[in-house]
Amino acid sequence: MVLLRQLIVMIGLACGCNAFAPSPIQSTATSSSSSSRLYMSTEEKQKTGKKEGYVPKWKKKATLAEITGTAELSPEEKGLVGAVPITFQQGTGEDATLIKTSAMPGQPLKLVASQAGQYIKYGCGKGECGTCDSLCNGKYLRPCVDVVPTDLTPDPETGEYANLVIQVKGTKAKVVSSGKFFSVKSFFMGFWNNLLGMGGFVRDRRKAKKNYQERISQEEEILRRTAEKKRKKAAETAAAGKK
């Protein structure tokens, strides 16, 4: 009964504190906004929240290529020389972005994408997690460890290699509007989270108490057996002394 009272009091205090805490929507919007600032590709594709009157807290800055006017240069003009023409495709349909470059067979794809300005999200960097999986000629490859295929065959007539299209994953994040400082949802979510926490506390306390009782009983059994062995040894020693 005492434990139940303490549980009710702690839930009430916790809910009172959480009522004035920022809602989960606000923290999610902040993280989404920061990730969008890194990954949005073009200003035209920025999708702000659908809420009317919403003003984004950030604005895409121009890249160095856009400032210097070198964004439309060909791979040869940029100094990227190679025998295999490569096109990095991100997205599908009208929203797809294409970056053309060239590379040599056996050249690391990670380096080729970096030189061409194609952003690819990597994870482990060892080809194990699959974060950077990309589709090329119907097969999946991992640019963090794979290279430009070396088994490509050039055209017998022109001696040129066919264009290699690599479809990379989209990394565009969705921007949502900021949440309110206080909302009814945040109140109930705080109540629910604290209720789950208190339930876990009671459950773990019962398990810990059970483990403690088992350990104490084992220690008592060890003490009993030790005392019994000492008593037998003393009796044997006394019997040998009488003889």
Protein backbone atom coordinates (compact mmCIF):
# COMPACT_ATOMS: atom_id res chain seq x y z
CA MET A 1 0.00 0.00 0.00
CA VAL A 2 2.85 2.38 0.84
CA LEU A 3 4.55 1.57 -2.46
CA LEU A 4 1.33 2.33 -4.35
CA ARG A 5 1.05 5.75 -2.67
CA GLN A 6 4.65 6.58 -3.56
CA LEU A 7 3.99 5.53 -7.15
CA ILE A 8 0.95 7.85 -7.43
CA VAL A 9 2.81 10.79 -5.92
CA MET A 10 5.83 10.39 -8.20
CA ILE A 11 3.61 10.10 -11.32
CA GLY A 12 1.79 13.29 -10.34
CA LEU A 13 5.01 15.22 -9.81
CA ALA A 14 6.51 13.93 -13.04
CA CYS A 15 3.43 14.83 -15.05
CA GLY A 16 3.47 18.32 -13.60
CA CYS A 17 7.05 18.78 -14.76
CA ASN A 18 6.44 17.30 -18.19
CA ALA A 19 3.47 19.55 -18.80
CA PHE A 20 5.85 22.49 -19.26
CA ALA A 21 8.53 20.53 -21.13
CA PRO A 22 9.02 20.96 -24.89
CA SER A 23 6.92 18.54 -26.86
CA PRO A 24 8.52 15.68 -28.83
CA ILE A 25 7.35 17.39 -32.01
CA GLN A 26 9.62 20.36 -31.31
CA SER A 27 12.74 18.25 -30.84
CA THR A 28 11.90 16.21 -33.95
CA ALA A 29 11.48 19.37 -35.98
CA THR A 30 14.84 20.70 -34.79
CA SER A 31 16.71 17.52 -35.75
CA SER A 32 14.88 17.30 -39.08
CA SER A 33 15.74 20.92 -39.84
CA SER A 34 19.44 20.43 -39.10
CA SER A 35 19.64 17.29 -41.23
CA SER A 36 17.73 18.97 -44.05
CA ARG A 37 20.24 21.82 -44.06
CA LEU A 38 22.92 19.31 -44.98
CA TYR A 39 21.08 17.09 -47.41
CA MET A 40 18.67 19.24 -49.44
CA SER A 41 20.00 19.33 -53.00
CA THR A 42 18.27 22.24 -54.71
CA GLU A 43 16.35 25.23 -53.46
CA GLU A 44 13.40 24.40 -55.71
CA LYS A 45 12.96 21.02 -54.01
CA GLN A 46 12.79 22.32 -50.48
CA LYS A 47 9.47 21.26 -49.04
CA THR A 48 8.48 23.23 -46.02
CA GLY A 49 5.62 22.36 -43.74
CA LYS A 50 2.13 22.53 -45.21
CA LYS A 51 0.98 24.82 -42.44
CA GLU A 52 0.08 28.25 -43.76
CA GLY A 53 2.29 31.06 -42.61
CA TYR A 54 5.15 28.76 -41.70
CA VAL A 55 8.55 30.41 -42.18
CA PRO A 56 11.61 28.10 -42.47
CA LYS A 57 14.36 28.72 -39.94
CA TRP A 58 17.07 28.13 -42.53
CA LYS A 59 17.89 28.93 -46.14
CA LYS A 60 20.09 26.95 -48.51
CA LYS A 61 23.44 28.60 -49.18
CA ALA A 62 25.01 28.62 -52.62
CA THR A 63 27.76 26.09 -53.24
CA LEU A 64 31.25 27.03 -54.40
CA ALA A 65 30.43 25.78 -57.92
CA GLU A 66 27.35 28.01 -58.04
CA ILE A 67 29.31 31.03 -56.80
CA THR A 68 32.15 30.59 -59.29
CA GLY A 69 29.86 29.60 -62.16
CA THR A 70 31.54 26.23 -62.72
CA ALA A 71 28.50 24.07 -61.95
CA GLU A 72 27.75 23.42 -65.64
CA LEU A 73 31.30 22.49 -66.67
CA SER A 74 31.87 19.09 -68.25
CA PRO A 75 33.96 16.43 -66.46
CA GLU A 76 36.85 17.10 -68.89
CA GLU A 77 36.73 20.84 -68.16
CA LYS A 78 36.80 20.07 -64.45
CA GLY A 79 39.87 17.91 -64.91
CA LEU A 80 38.10 14.59 -64.32
CA VAL A 81 39.52 12.35 -67.02
CA GLY A 82 38.48 8.73 -67.48
CA ALA A 83 37.53 6.15 -70.07
CA VAL A 84 34.21 5.12 -68.48
CA PRO A 85 31.39 7.70 -68.52
CA ILE A 86 29.42 7.56 -65.28
CA THR A 87 26.09 9.18 -64.40
CA PHE A 88 25.00 9.40 -60.76
CA GLN A 89 21.21 9.43 -60.53
CA GLN A 90 19.41 10.45 -57.36
CA GLY A 91 15.62 10.15 -57.33
CA THR A 92 13.25 9.15 -60.11
CA GLY A 93 11.09 10.88 -62.67
CA GLU A 94 11.07 14.66 -62.94
CA ASP A 95 12.61 15.05 -59.49
CA ALA A 96 15.71 13.05 -60.43
CA THR A 97 19.10 14.79 -60.33
CA LEU A 98 21.84 13.66 -62.70
CA ILE A 99 25.56 14.26 -62.24
CA LYS A 100 27.79 13.17 -65.10
CA THR A 101 31.47 12.39 -64.75
CA SER A 102 34.08 9.93 -65.99
CA ALA A 103 36.48 7.53 -64.31
CA MET A 104 38.96 4.77 -64.98
CA PRO A 105 38.17 1.06 -64.45
CA GLY A 106 39.19 0.01 -60.94
CA GLN A 107 38.90 3.53 -59.50
CA PRO A 108 37.13 3.65 -56.08
CA LEU A 109 33.51 4.74 -56.50
CA LYS A 110 33.65 6.71 -53.26
CA LEU A 111 36.41 8.86 -54.73
CA VAL A 112 34.61 9.22 -58.06
CA ALA A 113 31.40 10.40 -56.37
CA SER A 114 33.29 12.83 -54.14
CA GLN A 115 35.14 14.38 -57.09
CA ALA A 116 31.92 14.70 -59.08
CA GLY A 117 30.09 16.37 -56.20
CA GLN A 118 27.60 13.55 -55.64
CA TYR A 119 26.66 13.20 -51.97
CA ILE A 120 26.29 9.62 -50.71
CA LYS A 121 25.38 8.83 -47.15
CA TYR A 122 27.81 6.32 -45.62
CA GLY A 123 27.55 4.29 -42.45
CA CYS A 124 30.29 1.88 -41.38
CA GLY A 125 32.52 2.61 -44.38
CA LYS A 126 33.45 -1.10 -44.55
CA GLY A 127 30.69 -2.44 -46.80
CA GLU A 128 28.79 -4.16 -43.99
CA CYS A 129 25.83 -1.96 -43.00
CA GLY A 130 24.41 -1.29 -46.47
CA THR A 131 23.73 2.41 -45.86
CA CYS A 132 25.33 3.43 -49.16
CA ASP A 133 23.73 0.69 -51.30
CA SER A 134 23.44 1.85 -54.92
CA LEU A 135 21.94 0.20 -57.99
CA CYS A 136 24.10 -0.28 -61.08
CA ASN A 137 23.08 -2.37 -64.11
CA GLY A 138 20.54 -4.31 -62.05
CA LYS A 139 23.02 -5.15 -59.29
CA TYR A 140 23.57 -3.53 -55.94
CA LEU A 141 27.00 -2.27 -55.04
CA ARG A 142 28.44 -0.39 -52.09
CA PRO A 143 30.46 2.69 -53.09
CA CYS A 144 32.34 2.77 -49.79
CA VAL A 145 34.34 -0.33 -50.81
CA ASP A 146 33.49 -1.10 -54.47
CA VAL A 147 35.30 0.22 -57.53
CA VAL A 148 34.40 1.01 -61.12
CA PRO A 149 33.86 -2.39 -62.79
CA THR A 150 36.90 -3.71 -64.57
CA ASP A 151 35.02 -6.26 -66.71
CA LEU A 152 33.38 -3.68 -68.96
CA THR A 153 33.71 -4.23 -72.70
CA PRO A 154 34.13 -1.21 -75.03
CA ASP A 155 32.15 -0.83 -78.23
CA PRO A 156 34.02 -2.67 -81.05
CA GLU A 157 33.32 0.13 -83.55
CA THR A 158 33.93 3.26 -81.48
CA GLY A 159 36.14 1.78 -78.77
CA GLU A 160 34.19 3.70 -76.12
CA TYR A 161 32.55 2.35 -73.00
CA ALA A 162 28.81 2.53 -72.47
CA ASN A 163 27.48 5.05 -69.97
CA LEU A 164 27.38 3.56 -66.46
CA VAL A 165 24.31 4.74 -64.52
CA ILE A 166 24.55 4.47 -60.73
CA GLN A 167 21.33 5.10 -58.79
CA VAL A 168 22.10 6.35 -55.29
CA LYS A 169 19.68 6.63 -52.39
CA GLY A 170 17.89 9.88 -51.81
CA THR A 171 18.90 11.74 -48.66
CA LYS A 172 16.36 14.54 -48.71
CA ALA A 173 14.72 15.00 -45.32
CA LYS A 174 11.17 16.16 -44.79
CA VAL A 175 10.77 19.43 -42.94
CA VAL A 176 7.91 19.78 -40.49
CA SER A 177 6.64 22.84 -38.72
CA SER A 178 7.71 23.59 -35.19
CA GLY A 179 5.59 22.25 -32.37
CA LYS A 180 4.10 24.25 -29.54
CA PHE A 181 5.89 24.83 -26.26
CA PHE A 182 2.92 23.29 -24.46
CA SER A 183 0.22 21.05 -25.85
CA VAL A 184 -2.31 18.55 -24.56
CA LYS A 185 -0.46 15.81 -26.40
CA SER A 186 2.80 16.61 -24.59
CA PHE A 187 0.96 16.36 -21.25
CA PHE A 188 -0.45 12.90 -21.98
CA MET A 189 2.83 11.71 -23.54
CA GLY A 190 4.69 12.80 -20.43
CA PHE A 191 2.17 10.98 -18.23
CA TRP A 192 2.46 7.83 -20.35
CA ASN A 193 6.28 7.87 -20.42
CA ASN A 194 6.49 8.30 -16.66
CA LEU A 195 3.92 5.57 -16.10
CA LEU A 196 6.00 3.18 -18.20
CA GLY A 197 9.13 4.21 -16.30
CA MET A 198 7.53 3.58 -12.92
CA GLY A 199 6.21 0.23 -14.11
CA GLY A 200 9.70 -0.76 -15.19
CA PHE A 201 11.09 0.44 -11.87
CA VAL A 202 8.68 -1.78 -9.92
CA ARG A 203 9.37 -4.75 -12.20
CA ASP A 204 13.15 -4.41 -11.92
CA ARG A 205 12.91 -3.93 -8.17
CA ARG A 206 11.07 -7.22 -7.79
CA LYS A 207 13.66 -9.00 -9.90
CA ALA A 208 16.49 -7.42 -7.91
CA LYS A 209 14.84 -8.46 -4.63
CA LYS A 210 14.45 -12.02 -5.86
CA ASN A 211 18.10 -12.15 -6.95
CA TYR A 212 19.18 -10.73 -3.59
CA GLN A 213 17.23 -13.37 -1.68
CA GLU A 214 18.72 -16.15 -3.84
CA ARG A 215 22.24 -14.83 -3.26
CA ILE A 216 21.69 -14.59 0.51
CA SER A 217 20.34 -18.15 0.63
CA GLN A 218 23.37 -19.41 -1.31
CA GLU A 219 25.74 -17.63 1.07
CA GLU A 220 23.93 -19.12 4.06
CA GLU A 221 24.21 -22.57 2.51
CA ILE A 222 27.96 -22.06 2.00
CA LEU A 223 28.37 -20.98 5.63
CA ARG A 224 26.42 -24.00 6.82
CA ARG A 225 28.50 -26.45 4.80
CA THR A 226 31.72 -24.76 5.91
CA ALA A 227 30.71 -25.02 9.58
CA GLU A 228 29.75 -28.67 9.10
CA LYS A 229 33.14 -29.48 7.53
CA LYS A 230 34.94 -27.74 10.40
CA ARG A 231 32.91 -29.67 12.93
CA LYS A 232 33.68 -33.00 11.24
CA LYS A 233 37.36 -32.15 11.01
CA ALA A 234 37.47 -31.22 14.70
CA ALA A 235 35.74 -34.49 15.63
CA GLU A 236 38.22 -36.50 13.55
CA THR A 237 41.15 -34.67 15.13
CA ALA A 238 39.77 -35.34 18.64
CA ALA A 239 39.23 -39.04 17.84
CA ALA A 240 42.79 -39.37 16.53
CA GLY A 241 44.17 -37.72 19.69
CA LYS A 242 42.43 -40.23 21.95
CA LYS A 243 43.99 -43.13 20.06
